């Protein structure tokens, strides 16, 4: 059984066992519902069942069945929420999970040079933005659109992109 990260517990909220979660999944409304089972921490493998869910600012507030007391859940701060591979939905063609994209090598479609590696994906209203960690210089932000991302090859762990000169101006 493989486990996939869907969120991180960043803090507790109140004294009734709620935790603040930052979601790292595209399917947060389907993933975080009462009755769904998850695992806290890849090493601990503490299996939990969601009891309550509500949104609060940029966080999702969760409580877990039989852990509805701050003393029971405080030790899980900073740990990841995981799901097993049986709970992963089937995607359509040209759709990808975040965990498939993070870690890809980004290649300039024009000259085939390696730009860097996807280290994070930001969910923005218009479209997702890939944060590319370059070997030198600051991180590069590129929009995940058809005009920019030309090809994704999960077998080779690469993605080819078209860059504008303005994006690479501060490379050094």
C-alpha atoms as a PDB file:
ATOM      1  CA  UNK A   1       0.000   0.000   0.000  1.00  0.00           C
ATOM      2  CA  UNK A   2       1.417   3.368  -1.041  1.00  0.00           C
ATOM      3  CA  UNK A   3       0.531   6.520   0.864  1.00  0.00           C
ATOM      4  CA  UNK A   4       0.010   9.934  -0.751  1.00  0.00           C
ATOM      5  CA  UNK A   5       0.120  13.281   1.023  1.00  0.00           C
ATOM      6  CA  UNK A   6      -3.131  15.277   0.895  1.00  0.00           C
ATOM      7  CA  UNK A   7      -2.444  17.871   3.579  1.00  0.00           C
ATOM      8  CA  UNK A   8      -0.366  19.010   6.534  1.00  0.00           C
ATOM      9  CA  UNK A   9      -1.550  19.606  10.087  1.00  0.00           C
ATOM     10  CA  UNK A  10      -0.107  23.023  10.874  1.00  0.00           C
ATOM     11  CA  UNK A  11      -1.657  23.635  14.285  1.00  0.00           C
ATOM     12  CA  UNK A  12      -4.484  22.893  16.661  1.00  0.00           C
ATOM     13  CA  UNK A  13      -7.627  25.017  16.816  1.00  0.00           C
ATOM     14  CA  UNK A  14      -9.441  25.401  20.115  1.00  0.00           C
ATOM     15  CA  UNK A  15      -9.669  22.734  22.813  1.00  0.00           C
ATOM     16  CA  UNK A  16     -12.133  20.312  21.202  1.00  0.00           C
ATOM     17  CA  UNK A  17      -9.576  18.480  19.089  1.00  0.00           C
ATOM     18  CA  UNK A  18      -9.765  20.421  15.836  1.00  0.00           C
ATOM     19  CA  UNK A  19      -6.642  20.774  13.714  1.00  0.00           C
ATOM     20  CA  UNK A  20      -5.746  23.365  11.094  1.00  0.00           C
ATOM     21  CA  UNK A  21      -4.865  21.694   7.824  1.00  0.00           C
ATOM     22  CA  UNK A  22      -3.309  23.120   4.685  1.00  0.00           C
ATOM     23  CA  UNK A  23      -4.556  20.987   1.804  1.00  0.00           C
ATOM     24  CA  UNK A  24      -2.075  19.748  -0.795  1.00  0.00           C
ATOM     25  CA  UNK A  25      -4.638  18.028  -2.968  1.00  0.00           C
ATOM     26  CA  UNK A  26      -6.721  19.121  -5.930  1.00  0.00           C
ATOM     27  CA  UNK A  27      -9.691  17.270  -4.470  1.00  0.00           C
ATOM     28  CA  UNK A  28     -10.046  18.906  -1.048  1.00  0.00           C
ATOM     29  CA  UNK A  29     -13.864  19.042  -1.123  1.00  0.00           C
ATOM     30  CA  UNK A  30     -14.033  15.323  -1.935  1.00  0.00           C
ATOM     31  CA  UNK A  31     -11.091  14.303   0.243  1.00  0.00           C
ATOM     32  CA  UNK A  32     -12.000  16.089   3.476  1.00  0.00           C
ATOM     33  CA  UNK A  33     -15.495  14.861   4.334  1.00  0.00           C
ATOM     34  CA  UNK A  34     -16.792  13.217   7.502  1.00  0.00           C
ATOM     35  CA  UNK A  35     -16.314   9.460   7.438  1.00  0.00           C
ATOM     36  CA  UNK A  36     -13.219   9.465   5.207  1.00  0.00           C
ATOM     37  CA  UNK A  37     -10.230   7.613   6.594  1.00  0.00           C
ATOM     38  CA  UNK A  38      -6.682   8.978   6.573  1.00  0.00           C
ATOM     39  CA  UNK A  39      -3.279   8.243   8.030  1.00  0.00           C
ATOM     40  CA  UNK A  40      -1.375  10.790  10.104  1.00  0.00           C
ATOM     41  CA  UNK A  41       2.335  10.770   9.335  1.00  0.00           C
ATOM     42  CA  UNK A  42       3.995   8.291   7.012  1.00  0.00           C
ATOM     43  CA  UNK A  43       6.136   6.874   9.838  1.00  0.00           C
ATOM     44  CA  UNK A  44       3.531   6.758  12.602  1.00  0.00           C
ATOM     45  CA  UNK A  45       0.742   5.293  10.469  1.00  0.00           C
ATOM     46  CA  UNK A  46      -1.952   6.473  12.868  1.00  0.00           C
ATOM     47  CA  UNK A  47      -5.230   5.725  11.091  1.00  0.00           C
ATOM     48  CA  UNK A  48      -8.006   8.250  11.747  1.00  0.00           C
ATOM     49  CA  UNK A  49     -11.544   8.907  10.582  1.00  0.00           C
ATOM     50  CA  UNK A  50     -12.746  12.457   9.920  1.00  0.00           C
ATOM     51  CA  UNK A  51     -15.549  13.480  12.287  1.00  0.00           C
ATOM     52  CA  UNK A  52     -16.074  17.150  11.357  1.00  0.00           C
ATOM     53  CA  UNK A  53     -14.920  19.504   8.589  1.00  0.00           C
ATOM     54  CA  UNK A  54     -15.216  23.251   8.177  1.00  0.00           C
ATOM     55  CA  UNK A  55     -13.349  26.019   6.401  1.00  0.00           C
ATOM     56  CA  UNK A  56     -11.637  28.790   8.347  1.00  0.00           C
ATOM     57  CA  UNK A  57      -9.651  31.445   6.478  1.00  0.00           C
ATOM     58  CA  UNK A  58      -7.082  29.621   4.302  1.00  0.00           C
ATOM     59  CA  UNK A  59      -7.283  26.462   6.433  1.00  0.00           C
ATOM     60  CA  UNK A  60      -9.501  23.430   6.633  1.00  0.00           C
ATOM     61  CA  UNK A  61     -10.468  22.619  10.218  1.00  0.00           C
ATOM     62  CA  UNK A  62     -10.812  18.901  10.908  1.00  0.00           C
ATOM     63  CA  UNK A  63     -11.587  16.810  13.936  1.00  0.00           C
ATOM     64  CA  UNK A  64     -11.161  13.065  14.099  1.00  0.00           C
ATOM     65  CA  UNK A  65     -13.421  10.417  15.578  1.00  0.00           C
ATOM     66  CA  UNK A  66     -12.320   9.445  19.111  1.00  0.00           C
ATOM     67  CA  UNK A  67      -9.704  12.258  19.150  1.00  0.00           C
ATOM     68  CA  UNK A  68     -11.928  15.240  19.934  1.00  0.00           C
ATOM     69  CA  UNK A  69      -9.747  16.717  22.663  1.00  0.00           C
ATOM     70  CA  UNK A  70      -6.699  18.956  22.271  1.00  0.00           C
ATOM     71  CA  UNK A  71      -4.644  16.605  24.461  1.00  0.00           C
ATOM     72  CA  UNK A  72      -5.130  13.749  21.978  1.00  0.00           C
ATOM     73  CA  UNK A  73      -4.189  15.619  18.810  1.00  0.00           C
ATOM     74  CA  UNK A  74      -1.577  18.166  19.879  1.00  0.00           C
ATOM     75  CA  UNK A  75       1.252  15.691  19.225  1.00  0.00           C
ATOM     76  CA  UNK A  76       0.307  15.556  15.516  1.00  0.00           C
ATOM     77  CA  UNK A  77       1.182  19.223  14.775  1.00  0.00           C
ATOM     78  CA  UNK A  78       3.457  19.451  11.764  1.00  0.00           C
ATOM     79  CA  UNK A  79       2.627  15.969  10.482  1.00  0.00           C
ATOM     80  CA  UNK A  80       1.246  15.098   7.068  1.00  0.00           C
ATOM     81  CA  UNK A  81      -2.183  13.657   6.329  1.00  0.00           C
ATOM     82  CA  UNK A  82      -1.962  10.745   3.925  1.00  0.00           C
ATOM     83  CA  UNK A  83      -4.357   8.500   2.013  1.00  0.00           C
ATOM     84  CA  UNK A  84      -3.667   5.086   0.553  1.00  0.00           C
ATOM     85  CA  UNK A  85      -3.612   4.448  -3.168  1.00  0.00           C
ATOM     86  CA  UNK A  86      -7.062   2.826  -3.133  1.00  0.00           C
ATOM     87  CA  UNK A  87      -8.551   6.277  -2.425  1.00  0.00           C
ATOM     88  CA  UNK A  88      -6.879   7.966  -5.390  1.00  0.00           C
ATOM     89  CA  UNK A  89      -9.409   8.940  -8.088  1.00  0.00           C
ATOM     90  CA  UNK A  90      -8.896   8.044 -11.741  1.00  0.00           C
ATOM     91  CA  UNK A  91      -7.862  11.039 -13.819  1.00  0.00           C
ATOM     92  CA  UNK A  92      -8.709  11.900 -17.398  1.00  0.00           C
ATOM     93  CA  UNK A  93      -6.028  12.117 -20.044  1.00  0.00           C
ATOM     94  CA  UNK A  94      -3.717  15.135 -19.550  1.00  0.00           C
ATOM     95  CA  UNK A  95      -4.683  15.461 -15.875  1.00  0.00           C
ATOM     96  CA  UNK A  96      -2.054  15.000 -13.179  1.00  0.00           C
ATOM     97  CA  UNK A  97      -1.759  14.719  -9.433  1.00  0.00           C
ATOM     98  CA  UNK A  98       0.400  17.222  -7.588  1.00  0.00           C
ATOM     99  CA  UNK A  99       2.676  14.417  -6.417  1.00  0.00           C
ATOM    100  CA  UNK A 100       3.271  13.503 -10.081  1.00  0.00           C
ATOM    101  CA  UNK A 101       4.332  17.053 -10.980  1.00  0.00           C
ATOM    102  CA  UNK A 102       6.452  17.983  -7.942  1.00  0.00           C
ATOM    103  CA  UNK A 103       9.986  16.818  -8.652  1.00  0.00           C
ATOM    104  CA  UNK A 104       9.783  16.972 -12.461  1.00  0.00           C
ATOM    105  CA  UNK A 105      12.771  18.429 -14.290  1.00  0.00           C
ATOM    106  CA  UNK A 106      11.731  21.467 -16.312  1.00  0.00           C
ATOM    107  CA  UNK A 107      13.266  21.699 -19.782  1.00  0.00           C
ATOM    108  CA  UNK A 108      13.257  24.747 -22.048  1.00  0.00           C
ATOM    109  CA  UNK A 109      11.365  23.651 -25.168  1.00  0.00           C
ATOM    110  CA  UNK A 110      13.453  25.965 -27.344  1.00  0.00           C
ATOM    111  CA  UNK A 111      17.043  24.917 -26.532  1.00  0.00           C
ATOM    112  CA  UNK A 112      16.417  21.730 -24.450  1.00  0.00           C
ATOM    113  CA  UNK A 113      18.348  23.174 -21.464  1.00  0.00           C
ATOM    114  CA  UNK A 114      17.340  22.153 -17.940  1.00  0.00           C
ATOM    115  CA  UNK A 115      15.802  25.100 -16.095  1.00  0.00           C
ATOM    116  CA  UNK A 116      15.249  23.481 -12.703  1.00  0.00           C
ATOM    117  CA  UNK A 117      12.886  21.261 -10.735  1.00  0.00           C
ATOM    118  CA  UNK A 118       9.260  21.752  -9.670  1.00  0.00           C
ATOM    119  CA  UNK A 119       9.407  22.150  -5.903  1.00  0.00           C
ATOM    120  CA  UNK A 120       5.856  23.300  -5.207  1.00  0.00           C
ATOM    121  CA  UNK A 121       2.508  24.054  -6.846  1.00  0.00           C
ATOM    122  CA  UNK A 122       0.489  27.121  -5.903  1.00  0.00           C
ATOM    123  CA  UNK A 123      -3.279  27.002  -6.379  1.00  0.00           C
ATOM    124  CA  UNK A 124      -4.434  30.362  -7.661  1.00  0.00           C
ATOM    125  CA  UNK A 125      -7.897  31.340  -8.931  1.00  0.00           C
ATOM    126  CA  UNK A 126      -6.910  31.642 -12.603  1.00  0.00           C
ATOM    127  CA  UNK A 127      -4.661  28.561 -12.801  1.00  0.00           C
ATOM    128  CA  UNK A 128      -2.029  26.628 -10.885  1.00  0.00           C
ATOM    129  CA  UNK A 129       1.478  28.060 -10.760  1.00  0.00           C
ATOM    130  CA  UNK A 130       4.577  25.869 -10.628  1.00  0.00           C
ATOM    131  CA  UNK A 131       7.429  27.028  -8.402  1.00  0.00           C
ATOM    132  CA  UNK A 132      10.638  26.015 -10.172  1.00  0.00           C
ATOM    133  CA  UNK A 133      13.782  25.743  -8.087  1.00  0.00           C
ATOM    134  CA  UNK A 134      16.694  26.760 -10.293  1.00  0.00           C
ATOM    135  CA  UNK A 135      20.290  25.660  -9.786  1.00  0.00           C
ATOM    136  CA  UNK A 136      21.265  29.310  -9.464  1.00  0.00           C
ATOM    137  CA  UNK A 137      19.213  32.404  -8.791  1.00  0.00           C
ATOM    138  CA  UNK A 138      15.765  32.801  -7.350  1.00  0.00           C
ATOM    139  CA  UNK A 139      12.815  30.486  -7.866  1.00  0.00           C
ATOM    140  CA  UNK A 140      10.916  30.826 -11.135  1.00  0.00           C
ATOM    141  CA  UNK A 141       7.113  30.930 -11.183  1.00  0.00           C
ATOM    142  CA  UNK A 142       5.400  29.626 -14.316  1.00  0.00           C
ATOM    143  CA  UNK A 143       1.678  29.264 -14.966  1.00  0.00           C
ATOM    144  CA  UNK A 144       0.370  25.791 -15.691  1.00  0.00           C
ATOM    145  CA  UNK A 145      -1.338  26.608 -18.998  1.00  0.00           C
ATOM    146  CA  UNK A 146      -1.319  25.016 -22.456  1.00  0.00           C
ATOM    147  CA  UNK A 147       0.559  28.034 -23.815  1.00  0.00           C
ATOM    148  CA  UNK A 148       3.458  27.540 -21.372  1.00  0.00           C
ATOM    149  CA  UNK A 149       3.609  23.819 -20.557  1.00  0.00           C
ATOM    150  CA  UNK A 150       3.974  22.017 -23.862  1.00  0.00           C
ATOM    151  CA  UNK A 151       4.660  18.431 -22.815  1.00  0.00           C
ATOM    152  CA  UNK A 152       4.690  16.362 -19.627  1.00  0.00           C
ATOM    153  CA  UNK A 153       6.463  13.009 -19.609  1.00  0.00           C
ATOM    154  CA  UNK A 154       5.982  11.229 -16.284  1.00  0.00           C
ATOM    155  CA  UNK A 155       8.107   8.247 -17.396  1.00  0.00           C
ATOM    156  CA  UNK A 156      11.137  10.519 -17.969  1.00  0.00           C
ATOM    157  CA  UNK A 157      10.127  12.817 -15.083  1.00  0.00           C
ATOM    158  CA  UNK A 158      10.335  15.874 -17.323  1.00  0.00           C
ATOM    159  CA  UNK A 159       8.155  18.725 -18.546  1.00  0.00           C
ATOM    160  CA  UNK A 160       8.933  20.951 -21.519  1.00  0.00           C
ATOM    161  CA  UNK A 161       7.954  24.598 -21.250  1.00  0.00           C
ATOM    162  CA  UNK A 162       8.054  27.767 -23.338  1.00  0.00           C
ATOM    163  CA  UNK A 163       9.564  30.655 -21.391  1.00  0.00           C
ATOM    164  CA  UNK A 164       9.223  34.395 -21.867  1.00  0.00           C
ATOM    165  CA  UNK A 165      12.432  36.431 -21.585  1.00  0.00           C
ATOM    166  CA  UNK A 166      10.971  38.435 -18.697  1.00  0.00           C
ATOM    167  CA  UNK A 167      10.688  35.273 -16.583  1.00  0.00           C
ATOM    168  CA  UNK A 168      14.373  34.415 -16.782  1.00  0.00           C
ATOM    169  CA  UNK A 169      15.765  37.960 -16.567  1.00  0.00           C
ATOM    170  CA  UNK A 170      16.905  37.582 -12.924  1.00  0.00           C
ATOM    171  CA  UNK A 171      18.472  34.141 -13.450  1.00  0.00           C
ATOM    172  CA  UNK A 172      21.780  35.175 -11.859  1.00  0.00           C
END
